Protein backbone atom coordinates (compact mmCIF):
# COMPACT_ATOMS: atom_id res chain seq x y z
CA UNK A 1 10.80 -20.02 9.80
CA UNK A 2 9.39 -23.53 9.32
CA UNK A 3 7.42 -25.23 12.07
CA UNK A 4 6.67 -28.95 12.08
CA UNK A 5 3.19 -29.73 13.43
CA UNK A 6 3.10 -32.36 16.15
CA UNK A 7 1.50 -35.70 15.35
CA UNK A 8 -2.09 -35.84 16.52
CA UNK A 9 -2.76 -32.13 16.20
CA UNK A 10 -6.06 -31.01 14.74
CA UNK A 11 -6.21 -29.00 11.52
CA UNK A 12 -6.60 -25.78 13.54
CA UNK A 13 -3.73 -26.66 15.86
CA UNK A 14 -1.46 -27.39 12.89
CA UNK A 15 -2.36 -24.09 11.29
CA UNK A 16 -1.79 -22.16 14.51
CA UNK A 17 1.60 -23.86 14.95
CA UNK A 18 2.71 -22.61 11.53
CA UNK A 19 1.23 -19.17 12.20
CA UNK A 20 2.97 -18.82 15.57
CA UNK A 21 6.32 -19.78 14.06
CA UNK A 22 6.07 -16.99 11.46
CA UNK A 23 4.51 -14.49 13.87
CA UNK A 24 7.42 -14.21 16.30
CA UNK A 25 9.95 -12.86 13.73
CA UNK A 26 7.41 -10.19 12.76
CA UNK A 27 8.63 -8.10 15.70
CA UNK A 28 11.69 -7.29 13.60
CA UNK A 29 9.55 -5.49 11.03
CA UNK A 30 8.44 -2.72 13.41
CA UNK A 31 10.98 -0.15 12.24
CA UNK A 32 10.30 -0.87 8.56
CA UNK A 33 6.52 -0.51 8.89
CA UNK A 34 6.88 2.64 10.98
CA UNK A 35 9.16 4.22 8.39
CA UNK A 36 6.87 3.17 5.56
CA UNK A 37 3.88 4.63 7.41
CA UNK A 38 5.64 7.97 7.80
CA UNK A 39 6.69 8.09 4.15
CA UNK A 40 3.25 7.08 2.93
CA UNK A 41 1.61 9.73 5.12
CA UNK A 42 3.89 12.43 3.68
CA UNK A 43 3.21 11.36 0.10
CA UNK A 44 -0.56 11.15 0.59
CA UNK A 45 -0.66 14.50 2.40
CA UNK A 46 1.21 16.05 -0.52
CA UNK A 47 -1.37 14.80 -3.02
CA UNK A 48 0.23 11.51 -4.00
CA UNK A 49 -1.57 8.20 -4.26
CA UNK A 50 -1.00 4.61 -3.25
CA UNK A 51 -1.50 2.07 -6.04
CA UNK A 52 -1.76 -1.57 -4.94
CA UNK A 53 -2.19 -4.91 -6.69
CA UNK A 54 -2.15 -8.62 -6.04
CA UNK A 55 -3.56 -11.90 -7.33
CA UNK A 56 -6.19 -14.06 -5.66
CA UNK A 57 -6.02 -13.83 -1.88
CA UNK A 58 -3.33 -11.16 -2.18
CA UNK A 59 -5.76 -9.09 -4.25
CA UNK A 60 -8.22 -9.27 -1.36
CA UNK A 61 -5.49 -8.22 1.09
CA UNK A 62 -4.54 -5.29 -1.15
CA UNK A 63 -8.14 -4.14 -1.43
CA UNK A 64 -8.51 -4.42 2.34
CA UNK A 65 -5.60 -1.99 2.67
CA UNK A 66 -7.10 0.56 0.29
CA UNK A 67 -10.41 0.38 2.16
CA UNK A 68 -8.67 1.30 5.41
CA UNK A 69 -7.03 4.34 3.79
CA UNK A 70 -9.97 5.67 1.77
CA UNK A 71 -12.28 4.94 4.70
CA UNK A 72 -10.70 4.82 8.11
CA UNK A 73 -8.82 2.46 10.40
CA UNK A 74 -9.93 3.58 13.89
CA UNK A 75 -10.75 7.27 14.02
CA UNK A 76 -12.29 9.70 11.55
CA UNK A 77 -9.84 11.62 9.39
CA UNK A 78 -9.60 12.92 5.84
CA UNK A 79 -9.88 10.25 3.13
CA UNK A 80 -6.58 9.18 1.60
CA UNK A 81 -6.11 8.28 -2.05
CA UNK A 82 -5.47 4.55 -2.51
CA UNK A 83 -6.42 2.54 -5.59
CA UNK A 84 -6.57 -1.25 -5.96
CA UNK A 85 -5.64 -1.85 -9.60
CA UNK A 86 -7.20 -5.32 -9.72
CA UNK A 87 -10.60 -3.88 -8.69
CA UNK A 88 -10.97 -2.00 -11.99
CA UNK A 89 -12.54 -5.01 -13.69
CA UNK A 90 -13.34 -3.47 -17.07
CA UNK A 91 -9.79 -2.17 -17.48
CA UNK A 92 -8.37 -5.43 -16.13
CA UNK A 93 -10.27 -7.60 -18.57
CA UNK A 94 -9.73 -5.27 -21.52
CA UNK A 95 -5.99 -5.11 -20.93
CA UNK A 96 -5.80 -8.85 -20.38
CA UNK A 97 -7.71 -9.47 -23.59
CA UNK A 98 -5.73 -7.01 -25.72
CA UNK A 99 -2.24 -7.18 -24.23
CA UNK A 100 -2.12 -10.37 -22.17
CA UNK A 101 -2.51 -10.99 -18.44
CA UNK A 102 1.11 -10.11 -17.73
CA UNK A 103 0.27 -6.48 -18.56
CA UNK A 104 -2.93 -6.04 -16.51
CA UNK A 105 -1.23 -4.07 -13.74
CA UNK A 106 1.73 -2.59 -15.59
CA UNK A 107 -0.43 -0.75 -18.10
CA UNK A 108 -2.47 0.79 -15.28
CA UNK A 109 0.73 1.83 -13.50
CA UNK A 110 1.86 3.62 -16.66
CA UNK A 111 -1.57 5.24 -17.02
CA UNK A 112 -2.11 6.39 -13.44
CA UNK A 113 1.33 6.54 -11.83
CA UNK A 114 2.98 9.85 -11.06
CA UNK A 115 6.40 10.39 -9.47
CA UNK A 116 4.86 11.25 -6.07
CA UNK A 117 2.83 8.03 -6.01
CA UNK A 118 3.75 4.71 -4.43
CA UNK A 119 3.17 1.20 -5.76
CA UNK A 120 2.68 -1.66 -3.29
CA UNK A 121 2.59 -5.20 -4.71
CA UNK A 122 1.48 -8.24 -2.71
CA UNK A 123 2.53 -11.80 -3.54
CA UNK A 124 3.00 -14.93 -1.47
CA UNK A 125 5.47 -16.37 -3.97
CA UNK A 126 7.15 -13.18 -5.09
CA UNK A 127 7.22 -14.64 -8.59
CA UNK A 128 3.95 -13.58 -10.27
CA UNK A 129 4.83 -12.33 -13.73
CA UNK A 130 2.15 -9.63 -13.83
CA UNK A 131 3.47 -8.15 -10.58
CA UNK A 132 7.07 -8.28 -11.78
CA UNK A 133 5.99 -6.46 -14.94
CA UNK A 134 4.19 -3.87 -12.81
CA UNK A 135 7.32 -3.33 -10.72
CA UNK A 136 9.35 -2.68 -13.88
CA UNK A 137 6.67 -0.23 -15.05
CA UNK A 138 6.96 1.56 -11.70
CA UNK A 139 10.68 2.05 -12.23
CA UNK A 140 10.05 3.34 -15.76
CA UNK A 141 7.39 5.76 -14.49
CA UNK A 142 9.44 7.02 -11.55
CA UNK A 143 7.31 5.48 -8.80
CA UNK A 144 8.76 4.10 -5.60
CA UNK A 145 7.84 0.42 -5.32
CA UNK A 146 7.33 -1.70 -2.20
CA UNK A 147 6.38 -5.35 -1.87
CA UNK A 148 4.72 -7.66 0.64
CA UNK A 149 6.02 -11.16 -0.14
CA UNK A 150 6.64 -14.61 1.25
CA UNK A 151 10.17 -15.82 2.02
CA UNK A 152 12.97 -13.72 0.55
CA UNK A 153 14.98 -13.56 -1.58
CA UNK A 154 12.48 -13.74 -4.40
CA UNK A 155 12.18 -11.95 -7.77
CA UNK A 156 9.60 -9.38 -6.66
CA UNK A 157 11.53 -8.41 -3.54
CA UNK A 158 14.64 -7.98 -5.69
CA UNK A 159 12.82 -5.71 -8.16
CA UNK A 160 11.20 -3.41 -5.59
CA UNK A 161 12.98 -0.65 -3.70
CA UNK A 162 12.04 -2.25 -0.37
CA UNK A 163 10.10 -5.29 0.77
CA UNK A 164 8.39 -6.83 3.77
CA UNK A 165 8.82 -10.62 3.71
CA UNK A 166 7.03 -13.24 5.80
CA UNK A 167 9.32 -16.19 6.41
CA UNK A 168 6.87 -19.05 6.01
CA UNK A 169 6.45 -21.68 3.27
CA UNK A 170 2.68 -21.68 3.88
CA UNK A 171 0.87 -19.23 1.57
CA UNK A 172 -2.09 -19.01 3.95
CA UNK A 173 0.16 -17.90 6.80
CA UNK A 174 1.89 -15.39 4.53
CA UNK A 175 -1.43 -13.81 3.56
CA UNK A 176 -2.64 -13.69 7.15
CA UNK A 177 0.49 -11.87 8.28
CA UNK A 178 0.31 -9.54 5.30
CA UNK A 179 -3.02 -8.41 6.75
CA UNK A 180 -1.37 -7.82 10.14
CA UNK A 181 1.33 -5.76 8.42
CA UNK A 182 -1.29 -3.79 6.46
CA UNK A 183 -3.11 -2.86 9.66
CA UNK A 184 0.13 -1.82 11.37
CA UNK A 185 1.12 0.22 8.30
CA UNK A 186 -2.22 2.04 8.36
CA UNK A 187 -1.83 2.70 12.07
CA UNK A 188 1.52 4.36 11.44
CA UNK A 189 0.04 6.38 8.56
CA UNK A 190 -2.66 7.71 10.88
CA UNK A 191 -0.10 8.64 13.53
CA UNK A 192 2.14 10.46 11.06
CA UNK A 193 -0.64 12.16 9.08
CA UNK A 194 -1.30 15.23 11.32
CA UNK A 195 2.34 16.32 11.16
CA UNK A 196 2.48 15.58 7.43
CA UNK A 197 -0.60 17.72 6.78
CA UNK A 198 0.70 20.52 8.99
CA UNK A 199 3.95 20.58 7.04
CA UNK A 200 1.96 21.05 3.81
CA UNK A 201 -0.17 23.96 5.14
CA UNK A 202 1.90 27.05 6.02
CA UNK A 203 0.18 29.40 8.47
CA UNK A 204 0.11 32.20 5.91
CA UNK A 205 -1.95 30.11 3.51
CA UNK A 206 -4.87 29.58 5.86
CA UNK A 207 -8.01 31.29 4.56
CA UNK A 208 -10.46 33.01 6.86
CA UNK A 209 -14.14 33.74 6.21
CA UNK A 210 -13.41 37.18 4.68
CA UNK A 211 -11.26 37.78 1.61
CA UNK A 212 -9.76 41.13 0.62
CA UNK A 213 -9.51 41.44 -3.18
CA UNK A 214 -6.83 43.90 -4.33
CA UNK A 215 -6.62 45.66 -7.67
CA UNK A 216 -8.98 48.63 -7.34
CA UNK A 217 -7.98 51.76 -5.37
CA UNK A 218 -10.34 50.69 -2.62
CA UNK A 219 -10.24 47.07 -1.52
CA UNK A 220 -13.39 45.12 -2.12
CA UNK A 221 -14.34 43.01 0.80
CA UNK A 222 -16.26 39.90 -0.10
CA UNK A 223 -17.92 37.88 2.64
CA UNK A 224 -17.72 34.18 2.04
């Protein structure tokens, strides 16, 4: 949605006008972010990982997201595995030097990605070649791929399995609302995580403080 600032507005007022215009349609993304949060919680509880990447400001947004998952959003809980591919500077520069910048994320996806993992790519334009190459690598590796983008359709949204698009021509507004979406996504992960963990821990597998070791005629009881 495009908003036209009113003549005489200050820089802040103009920015807030554009932000408000893009913010209202965000209500329609509630179901998507809730579903993504549930799926991500199940994958992380099962031992999967979230791989994320972006360029420039989108790289900062992606790293913000991983910090919330490895650390915490609101309340203490187990750490969750989330890796910002652009933060691995030695690998990033080595790959860029040896294979070209278009491969900096794709090669890491091929190295680290497993079928239970998820790849989330952030781009205001949806046209960054290194992210498009990473999305193709995700398909080749068997990863599910999501995208945070600006207005859709765009090439990255088309390549990923699903996408969250901010309908604004202003890249600053897109990045700001990507951060809102990241926080909401993490909130839904936290809400879904207890059930996801419970589903992965059958009652019969819970260990107590005493273990009975079988094999000899008389059980050996070892206190732990």
